[in-house]
């Protein structure tokens, strides 16, 4: 039986649900529409703005997920950097 993955910052977040792993650092699992079913993204709070590390792939589902994240999590602060 394969070993179970243990995450140092708790359980993996639900898809599209930012999970704070330390102050101002959020882990997002973004679903993918193929066999590799998700990618890990990072959202960094940087004062009055955000930095996004990876955005997922460009598809309708990912764009809709980012709209939900913006509406529920970004608190009106703009994304100023994408890495």
PDB file of N, CA and C in Angstrom:
ATOM      1  N   UNK A   1       0.849  -1.181   0.000  1.00  0.00           N
ATOM      2  CA  UNK A   1       0.000   0.000   0.000  1.00  0.00           C
ATOM      3  C   UNK A   1       0.893   1.244   0.000  1.00  0.00           C
ATOM      4  N   UNK A   2       0.619   2.217  -0.892  1.00  0.00           N
ATOM      5  CA  UNK A   2       1.433   3.425  -0.936  1.00  0.00           C
ATOM      6  C   UNK A   2       1.267   4.248   0.347  1.00  0.00           C
ATOM      7  N   UNK A   3       2.305   4.970   0.686  1.00  0.00           N
ATOM      8  CA  UNK A   3       2.250   5.838   1.865  1.00  0.00           C
ATOM      9  C   UNK A   3       1.290   6.997   1.601  1.00  0.00           C
ATOM     10  N   UNK A   4       0.580   7.401   2.629  1.00  0.00           N
ATOM     11  CA  UNK A   4      -0.332   8.533   2.521  1.00  0.00           C
ATOM     12  C   UNK A   4       0.481   9.826   2.566  1.00  0.00           C
ATOM     13  N   UNK A   5       0.104  10.791   1.758  1.00  0.00           N
ATOM     14  CA  UNK A   5       0.788  12.075   1.743  1.00  0.00           C
ATOM     15  C   UNK A   5       0.412  12.835   3.013  1.00  0.00           C
ATOM     16  N   UNK A   6       1.435  13.359   3.689  1.00  0.00           N
ATOM     17  CA  UNK A   6       1.214  14.212   4.852  1.00  0.00           C
ATOM     18  C   UNK A   6       1.671  15.627   4.504  1.00  0.00           C
ATOM     19  N   UNK A   7       0.800  16.582   4.705  1.00  0.00           N
ATOM     20  CA  UNK A   7       1.101  17.968   4.397  1.00  0.00           C
ATOM     21  C   UNK A   7       1.560  18.678   5.665  1.00  0.00           C
ATOM     22  N   UNK A   8       2.648  19.441   5.617  1.00  0.00           N
ATOM     23  CA  UNK A   8       3.158  20.093   6.821  1.00  0.00           C
ATOM     24  C   UNK A   8       2.250  21.206   7.347  1.00  0.00           C
ATOM     25  N   UNK A   9       1.326  21.685   6.526  1.00  0.00           N
ATOM     26  CA  UNK A   9       0.461  22.788   6.957  1.00  0.00           C
ATOM     27  C   UNK A   9      -0.998  22.358   7.043  1.00  0.00           C
ATOM     28  N   UNK A  10      -1.251  21.111   7.408  1.00  0.00           N
ATOM     29  CA  UNK A  10      -2.620  20.618   7.530  1.00  0.00           C
ATOM     30  C   UNK A  10      -3.046  19.877   6.285  1.00  0.00           C
ATOM     31  N   UNK A  11      -4.318  19.604   6.202  1.00  0.00           N
ATOM     32  CA  UNK A  11      -4.858  18.901   5.034  1.00  0.00           C
ATOM     33  C   UNK A  11      -4.848  19.794   3.808  1.00  0.00           C
ATOM     34  N   UNK A  12      -4.852  19.169   2.642  1.00  0.00           N
ATOM     35  CA  UNK A  12      -4.928  19.928   1.397  1.00  0.00           C
ATOM     36  C   UNK A  12      -6.267  20.664   1.345  1.00  0.00           C
ATOM     37  N   UNK A  13      -6.279  21.865   0.774  1.00  0.00           N
ATOM     38  CA  UNK A  13      -7.537  22.609   0.683  1.00  0.00           C
ATOM     39  C   UNK A  13      -8.489  21.963  -0.312  1.00  0.00           C
ATOM     40  N   UNK A  14      -9.770  22.277  -0.150  1.00  0.00           N
ATOM     41  CA  UNK A  14     -10.756  21.878  -1.153  1.00  0.00           C
ATOM     42  C   UNK A  14     -10.479  22.675  -2.420  1.00  0.00           C
ATOM     43  N   UNK A  15     -10.843  22.129  -3.562  1.00  0.00           N
ATOM     44  CA  UNK A  15     -10.641  22.840  -4.821  1.00  0.00           C
ATOM     45  C   UNK A  15     -11.210  24.242  -4.734  1.00  0.00           C
ATOM     46  N   UNK A  16     -10.420  25.196  -5.195  1.00  0.00           N
ATOM     47  CA  UNK A  16     -10.810  26.604  -5.325  1.00  0.00           C
ATOM     48  C   UNK A  16     -11.074  27.292  -3.993  1.00  0.00           C
ATOM     49  N   UNK A  17     -10.727  26.679  -2.872  1.00  0.00           N
ATOM     50  CA  UNK A  17     -10.979  27.254  -1.556  1.00  0.00           C
ATOM     51  C   UNK A  17      -9.637  27.630  -0.929  1.00  0.00           C
ATOM     52  N   UNK A  18      -9.246  28.912  -0.978  1.00  0.00           N
ATOM     53  CA  UNK A  18      -7.945  29.297  -0.434  1.00  0.00           C
ATOM     54  C   UNK A  18      -7.808  28.915   1.037  1.00  0.00           C
ATOM     55  N   UNK A  19      -6.702  28.283   1.353  1.00  0.00           N
ATOM     56  CA  UNK A  19      -6.419  27.870   2.729  1.00  0.00           C
ATOM     57  C   UNK A  19      -5.173  28.613   3.198  1.00  0.00           C
ATOM     58  N   UNK A  20      -5.301  29.364   4.277  1.00  0.00           N
ATOM     59  CA  UNK A  20      -4.156  30.110   4.796  1.00  0.00           C
ATOM     60  C   UNK A  20      -3.189  29.151   5.471  1.00  0.00           C
ATOM     61  N   UNK A  21      -1.949  29.135   5.017  1.00  0.00           N
ATOM     62  CA  UNK A  21      -0.946  28.228   5.580  1.00  0.00           C
ATOM     63  C   UNK A  21      -0.012  28.956   6.535  1.00  0.00           C
ATOM     64  N   UNK A  22       0.095  30.255   6.407  1.00  0.00           N
ATOM     65  CA  UNK A  22       0.754  31.133   7.370  1.00  0.00           C
ATOM     66  C   UNK A  22       0.213  32.531   7.061  1.00  0.00           C
ATOM     67  N   UNK A  23       0.412  33.499   7.928  1.00  0.00           N
ATOM     68  CA  UNK A  23      -0.209  34.808   7.705  1.00  0.00           C
ATOM     69  C   UNK A  23       0.089  35.373   6.311  1.00  0.00           C
ATOM     70  N   UNK A  24      -0.990  35.609   5.560  1.00  0.00           N
ATOM     71  CA  UNK A  24      -0.883  36.216   4.247  1.00  0.00           C
ATOM     72  C   UNK A  24      -0.498  35.289   3.108  1.00  0.00           C
ATOM     73  N   UNK A  25      -0.349  33.995   3.377  1.00  0.00           N
ATOM     74  CA  UNK A  25       0.021  33.025   2.333  1.00  0.00           C
ATOM     75  C   UNK A  25      -1.102  31.998   2.229  1.00  0.00           C
ATOM     76  N   UNK A  26      -1.706  31.910   1.047  1.00  0.00           N
ATOM     77  CA  UNK A  26      -2.852  31.025   0.837  1.00  0.00           C
ATOM     78  C   UNK A  26      -2.538  30.004  -0.239  1.00  0.00           C
ATOM     79  N   UNK A  27      -2.931  28.779   0.028  1.00  0.00           N
ATOM     80  CA  UNK A  27      -2.743  27.641  -0.877  1.00  0.00           C
ATOM     81  C   UNK A  27      -4.077  27.370  -1.549  1.00  0.00           C
ATOM     82  N   UNK A  28      -4.053  27.263  -2.877  1.00  0.00           N
ATOM     83  CA  UNK A  28      -5.271  26.970  -3.649  1.00  0.00           C
ATOM     84  C   UNK A  28      -4.993  25.760  -4.524  1.00  0.00           C
ATOM     85  N   UNK A  29      -5.898  24.808  -4.509  1.00  0.00           N
ATOM     86  CA  UNK A  29      -5.838  23.688  -5.458  1.00  0.00           C
ATOM     87  C   UNK A  29      -6.833  23.996  -6.559  1.00  0.00           C
ATOM     88  N   UNK A  30      -6.323  24.200  -7.766  1.00  0.00           N
ATOM     89  CA  UNK A  30      -7.186  24.536  -8.899  1.00  0.00           C
ATOM     90  C   UNK A  30      -7.391  23.276  -9.733  1.00  0.00           C
ATOM     91  N   UNK A  31      -8.649  22.891  -9.980  1.00  0.00           N
ATOM     92  CA  UNK A  31      -8.893  21.678 -10.771  1.00  0.00           C
ATOM     93  C   UNK A  31      -8.401  21.823 -12.207  1.00  0.00           C
ATOM     94  N   UNK A  32      -8.020  20.700 -12.779  1.00  0.00           N
ATOM     95  CA  UNK A  32      -7.618  20.610 -14.178  1.00  0.00           C
ATOM     96  C   UNK A  32      -8.536  19.611 -14.886  1.00  0.00           C
ATOM     97  N   UNK A  33      -8.821  19.834 -16.169  1.00  0.00           N
ATOM     98  CA  UNK A  33      -9.771  18.975 -16.882  1.00  0.00           C
ATOM     99  C   UNK A  33      -9.130  17.759 -17.556  1.00  0.00           C
ATOM    100  N   UNK A  34      -8.096  17.192 -16.955  1.00  0.00           N
ATOM    101  CA  UNK A  34      -7.497  15.994 -17.524  1.00  0.00           C
ATOM    102  C   UNK A  34      -6.968  15.104 -16.408  1.00  0.00           C
ATOM    103  N   UNK A  35      -6.243  14.068 -16.760  1.00  0.00           N
ATOM    104  CA  UNK A  35      -5.836  13.048 -15.791  1.00  0.00           C
ATOM    105  C   UNK A  35      -5.135  13.643 -14.568  1.00  0.00           C
ATOM    106  N   UNK A  36      -4.156  14.515 -14.752  1.00  0.00           N
ATOM    107  CA  UNK A  36      -3.607  15.264 -13.631  1.00  0.00           C
ATOM    108  C   UNK A  36      -4.717  16.230 -13.239  1.00  0.00           C
ATOM    109  N   UNK A  37      -5.402  15.971 -12.127  1.00  0.00           N
ATOM    110  CA  UNK A  37      -6.682  16.636 -11.875  1.00  0.00           C
ATOM    111  C   UNK A  37      -6.620  17.964 -11.125  1.00  0.00           C
ATOM    112  N   UNK A  38      -5.438  18.405 -10.714  1.00  0.00           N
ATOM    113  CA  UNK A  38      -5.337  19.714 -10.074  1.00  0.00           C
ATOM    114  C   UNK A  38      -3.898  20.227 -10.157  1.00  0.00           C
ATOM    115  N   UNK A  39      -3.766  21.525  -9.891  1.00  0.00           N
ATOM    116  CA  UNK A  39      -2.455  22.163  -9.769  1.00  0.00           C
ATOM    117  C   UNK A  39      -2.507  23.018  -8.506  1.00  0.00           C
ATOM    118  N   UNK A  40      -1.375  23.138  -7.827  1.00  0.00           N
ATOM    119  CA  UNK A  40      -1.304  23.962  -6.618  1.00  0.00           C
ATOM    120  C   UNK A  40      -0.895  25.376  -6.991  1.00  0.00           C
ATOM    121  N   UNK A  41      -1.646  26.341  -6.498  1.00  0.00           N
ATOM    122  CA  UNK A  41      -1.402  27.755  -6.730  1.00  0.00           C
ATOM    123  C   UNK A  41      -1.190  28.426  -5.379  1.00  0.00           C
ATOM    124  N   UNK A  42      -0.598  29.615  -5.416  1.00  0.00           N
ATOM    125  CA  UNK A  42      -0.344  30.371  -4.188  1.00  0.00           C
ATOM    126  C   UNK A  42      -0.832  31.797  -4.367  1.00  0.00           C
ATOM    127  N   UNK A  43      -1.453  32.312  -3.328  1.00  0.00           N
ATOM    128  CA  UNK A  43      -1.965  33.670  -3.298  1.00  0.00           C
ATOM    129  C   UNK A  43      -1.292  34.354  -2.114  1.00  0.00           C
ATOM    130  N   UNK A  44      -0.546  35.428  -2.377  1.00  0.00           N
ATOM    131  CA  UNK A  44       0.222  36.117  -1.346  1.00  0.00           C
ATOM    132  C   UNK A  44      -0.364  37.500  -1.108  1.00  0.00           C
ATOM    133  N   UNK A  45      -0.769  37.750   0.121  1.00  0.00           N
ATOM    134  CA  UNK A  45      -1.281  39.076   0.479  1.00  0.00           C
ATOM    135  C   UNK A  45      -0.080  39.989   0.681  1.00  0.00           C
ATOM    136  N   UNK A  46      -0.093  41.122  -0.017  1.00  0.00           N
ATOM    137  CA  UNK A  46       1.050  42.029  -0.007  1.00  0.00           C
ATOM    138  C   UNK A  46       0.531  43.442   0.246  1.00  0.00           C
ATOM    139  N   UNK A  47       0.228  43.716   1.515  1.00  0.00           N
ATOM    140  CA  UNK A  47      -0.314  45.029   1.876  1.00  0.00           C
ATOM    141  C   UNK A  47      -1.676  45.241   1.255  1.00  0.00           C
ATOM    142  N   UNK A  48      -1.777  46.238   0.369  1.00  0.00           N
ATOM    143  CA  UNK A  48      -3.062  46.563  -0.254  1.00  0.00           C
ATOM    144  C   UNK A  48      -3.243  45.899  -1.615  1.00  0.00           C
ATOM    145  N   UNK A  49      -2.498  44.836  -1.867  1.00  0.00           N
ATOM    146  CA  UNK A  49      -2.595  44.127  -3.151  1.00  0.00           C
ATOM    147  C   UNK A  49      -2.288  42.642  -2.946  1.00  0.00           C
ATOM    148  N   UNK A  50      -2.401  41.877  -4.036  1.00  0.00           N
ATOM    149  CA  UNK A  50      -2.129  40.439  -4.022  1.00  0.00           C
ATOM    150  C   UNK A  50      -1.101  40.086  -5.090  1.00  0.00           C
ATOM    151  N   UNK A  51      -0.351  39.032  -4.815  1.00  0.00           N
ATOM    152  CA  UNK A  51       0.516  38.402  -5.805  1.00  0.00           C
ATOM    153  C   UNK A  51       0.024  36.979  -5.977  1.00  0.00           C
ATOM    154  N   UNK A  52      -0.115  36.535  -7.222  1.00  0.00           N
ATOM    155  CA  UNK A  52      -0.562  35.172  -7.528  1.00  0.00           C
ATOM    156  C   UNK A  52       0.619  34.411  -8.109  1.00  0.00           C
ATOM    157  N   UNK A  53       0.883  33.245  -7.567  1.00  0.00           N
ATOM    158  CA  UNK A  53       1.915  32.370  -8.118  1.00  0.00           C
ATOM    159  C   UNK A  53       1.204  31.225  -8.811  1.00  0.00           C
ATOM    160  N   UNK A  54       1.240  31.239 -10.112  1.00  0.00           N
ATOM    161  CA  UNK A  54       0.537  30.336 -11.031  1.00  0.00           C
ATOM    162  C   UNK A  54      -0.941  30.694 -11.041  1.00  0.00           C
ATOM    163  N   UNK A  55      -1.590  30.471 -12.156  1.00  0.00           N
ATOM    164  CA  UNK A  55      -3.005  30.820 -12.297  1.00  0.00           C
ATOM    165  C   UNK A  55      -3.869  29.646 -12.711  1.00  0.00           C
ATOM    166  N   UNK A  56      -3.256  28.495 -13.004  1.00  0.00           N
ATOM    167  CA  UNK A  56      -4.005  27.393 -13.587  1.00  0.00           C
ATOM    168  C   UNK A  56      -4.033  27.561 -15.097  1.00  0.00           C
ATOM    169  N   UNK A  57      -4.767  26.688 -15.770  1.00  0.00           N
ATOM    170  CA  UNK A  57      -4.825  26.771 -17.231  1.00  0.00           C
ATOM    171  C   UNK A  57      -5.947  27.712 -17.664  1.00  0.00           C
ATOM    172  N   UNK A  58      -5.852  28.214 -18.861  1.00  0.00           N
ATOM    173  CA  UNK A  58      -6.866  29.124 -19.392  1.00  0.00           C
ATOM    174  C   UNK A  58      -8.025  28.318 -19.958  1.00  0.00           C
ATOM    175  N   UNK A  59      -9.071  28.195 -19.139  1.00  0.00           N
ATOM    176  CA  UNK A  59     -10.304  27.545 -19.593  1.00  0.00           C
ATOM    177  C   UNK A  59     -11.460  28.195 -18.842  1.00  0.00           C
ATOM    178  N   UNK A  60     -12.677  27.946 -19.297  1.00  0.00           N
ATOM    179  CA  UNK A  60     -13.856  28.565 -18.686  1.00  0.00           C
ATOM    180  C   UNK A  60     -13.953  28.252 -17.189  1.00  0.00           C
ATOM    181  N   UNK A  61     -13.663  27.014 -16.790  1.00  0.00           N
ATOM    182  CA  UNK A  61     -13.780  26.615 -15.389  1.00  0.00           C
ATOM    183  C   UNK A  61     -12.778  27.365 -14.503  1.00  0.00           C
ATOM    184  N   UNK A  62     -11.565  27.520 -14.984  1.00  0.00           N
ATOM    185  CA  UNK A  62     -10.551  28.232 -14.198  1.00  0.00           C
ATOM    186  C   UNK A  62     -10.892  29.710 -14.089  1.00  0.00           C
ATOM    187  N   UNK A  63     -11.337  30.306 -15.184  1.00  0.00           N
ATOM    188  CA  UNK A  63     -11.734  31.716 -15.125  1.00  0.00           C
ATOM    189  C   UNK A  63     -12.889  31.920 -14.148  1.00  0.00           C
ATOM    190  N   UNK A  64     -13.861  31.007 -14.166  1.00  0.00           N
ATOM    191  CA  UNK A  64     -14.986  31.090 -13.228  1.00  0.00           C
ATOM    192  C   UNK A  64     -14.514  30.920 -11.782  1.00  0.00           C
ATOM    193  N   UNK A  65     -13.568  30.017 -11.562  1.00  0.00           N
ATOM    194  CA  UNK A  65     -13.028  29.815 -10.208  1.00  0.00           C
ATOM    195  C   UNK A  65     -12.344  31.090  -9.717  1.00  0.00           C
ATOM    196  N   UNK A  66     -11.564  31.744 -10.570  1.00  0.00           N
ATOM    197  CA  UNK A  66     -10.905  32.984 -10.156  1.00  0.00           C
ATOM    198  C   UNK A  66     -11.923  34.088  -9.884  1.00  0.00           C
ATOM    199  N   UNK A  67     -13.013  34.121 -10.629  1.00  0.00           N
ATOM    200  CA  UNK A  67     -14.077  35.099 -10.347  1.00  0.00           C
ATOM    201  C   UNK A  67     -14.651  34.858  -8.955  1.00  0.00           C
ATOM    202  N   UNK A  68     -14.881  33.586  -8.598  1.00  0.00           N
ATOM    203  CA  UNK A  68     -15.400  33.267  -7.256  1.00  0.00           C
ATOM    204  C   UNK A  68     -14.390  33.640  -6.177  1.00  0.00           C
ATOM    205  N   UNK A  69     -13.122  33.326  -6.417  1.00  0.00           N
ATOM    206  CA  UNK A  69     -12.082  33.667  -5.434  1.00  0.00           C
ATOM    207  C   UNK A  69     -12.003  35.182  -5.259  1.00  0.00           C
ATOM    208  N   UNK A  70     -12.056  35.921  -6.354  1.00  0.00           N
ATOM    209  CA  UNK A  70     -12.012  37.384  -6.271  1.00  0.00           C
ATOM    210  C   UNK A  70     -13.200  37.920  -5.477  1.00  0.00           C
ATOM    211  N   UNK A  71     -14.365  37.356  -5.695  1.00  0.00           N
ATOM    212  CA  UNK A  71     -15.576  37.826  -5.023  1.00  0.00           C
ATOM    213  C   UNK A  71     -15.611  37.465  -3.535  1.00  0.00           C
ATOM    214  N   UNK A  72     -14.997  36.349  -3.168  1.00  0.00           N
ATOM    215  CA  UNK A  72     -15.129  35.870  -1.791  1.00  0.00           C
ATOM    216  C   UNK A  72     -13.876  36.008  -0.943  1.00  0.00           C
ATOM    217  N   UNK A  73     -12.730  36.270  -1.572  1.00  0.00           N
ATOM    218  CA  UNK A  73     -11.496  36.203  -0.798  1.00  0.00           C
ATOM    219  C   UNK A  73     -10.577  37.420  -0.920  1.00  0.00           C
ATOM    220  N   UNK A  74     -10.587  38.104  -2.024  1.00  0.00           N
ATOM    221  CA  UNK A  74      -9.604  39.165  -2.240  1.00  0.00           C
ATOM    222  C   UNK A  74      -9.929  40.473  -1.522  1.00  0.00           C
ATOM    223  N   UNK A  75     -11.105  40.583  -0.941  1.00  0.00           N
ATOM    224  CA  UNK A  75     -11.502  41.757  -0.141  1.00  0.00           C
ATOM    225  C   UNK A  75     -11.314  43.079  -0.882  1.00  0.00           C
ATOM    226  N   UNK A  76     -11.574  43.062  -2.182  1.00  0.00           N
ATOM    227  CA  UNK A  76     -11.490  44.282  -2.975  1.00  0.00           C
ATOM    228  C   UNK A  76     -10.081  44.711  -3.339  1.00  0.00           C
ATOM    229  N   UNK A  77      -9.077  43.974  -2.884  1.00  0.00           N
ATOM    230  CA  UNK A  77      -7.688  44.318  -3.218  1.00  0.00           C
ATOM    231  C   UNK A  77      -7.357  43.768  -4.600  1.00  0.00           C
ATOM    232  N   UNK A  78      -6.632  44.538  -5.396  1.00  0.00           N
ATOM    233  CA  UNK A  78      -6.300  44.067  -6.751  1.00  0.00           C
ATOM    234  C   UNK A  78      -5.139  43.085  -6.756  1.00  0.00           C
ATOM    235  N   UNK A  79      -5.111  42.254  -7.783  1.00  0.00           N
ATOM    236  CA  UNK A  79      -3.938  41.421  -8.057  1.00  0.00           C
ATOM    237  C   UNK A  79      -2.985  42.293  -8.857  1.00  0.00           C
ATOM    238  N   UNK A  80      -1.807  42.544  -8.316  1.00  0.00           N
ATOM    239  CA  UNK A  80      -0.836  43.419  -8.975  1.00  0.00           C
ATOM    240  C   UNK A  80       0.283  42.640  -9.667  1.00  0.00           C
ATOM    241  N   UNK A  81       0.540  41.406  -9.208  1.00  0.00           N
ATOM    242  CA  UNK A  81       1.614  40.618  -9.805  1.00  0.00           C
ATOM    243  C   UNK A  81       1.154  39.192 -10.014  1.00  0.00           C
ATOM    244  N   UNK A  82       1.571  38.629 -11.129  1.00  0.00           N
ATOM    245  CA  UNK A  82       1.351  37.198 -11.416  1.00  0.00           C
ATOM    246  C   UNK A  82       2.707  36.614 -11.746  1.00  0.00           C
ATOM    247  N   UNK A  83       3.065  35.579 -11.022  1.00  0.00           N
ATOM    248  CA  UNK A  83       4.352  34.919 -11.225  1.00  0.00           C
ATOM    249  C   UNK A  83       4.086  33.517 -11.754  1.00  0.00           C
TER     250      UNK A  83
END
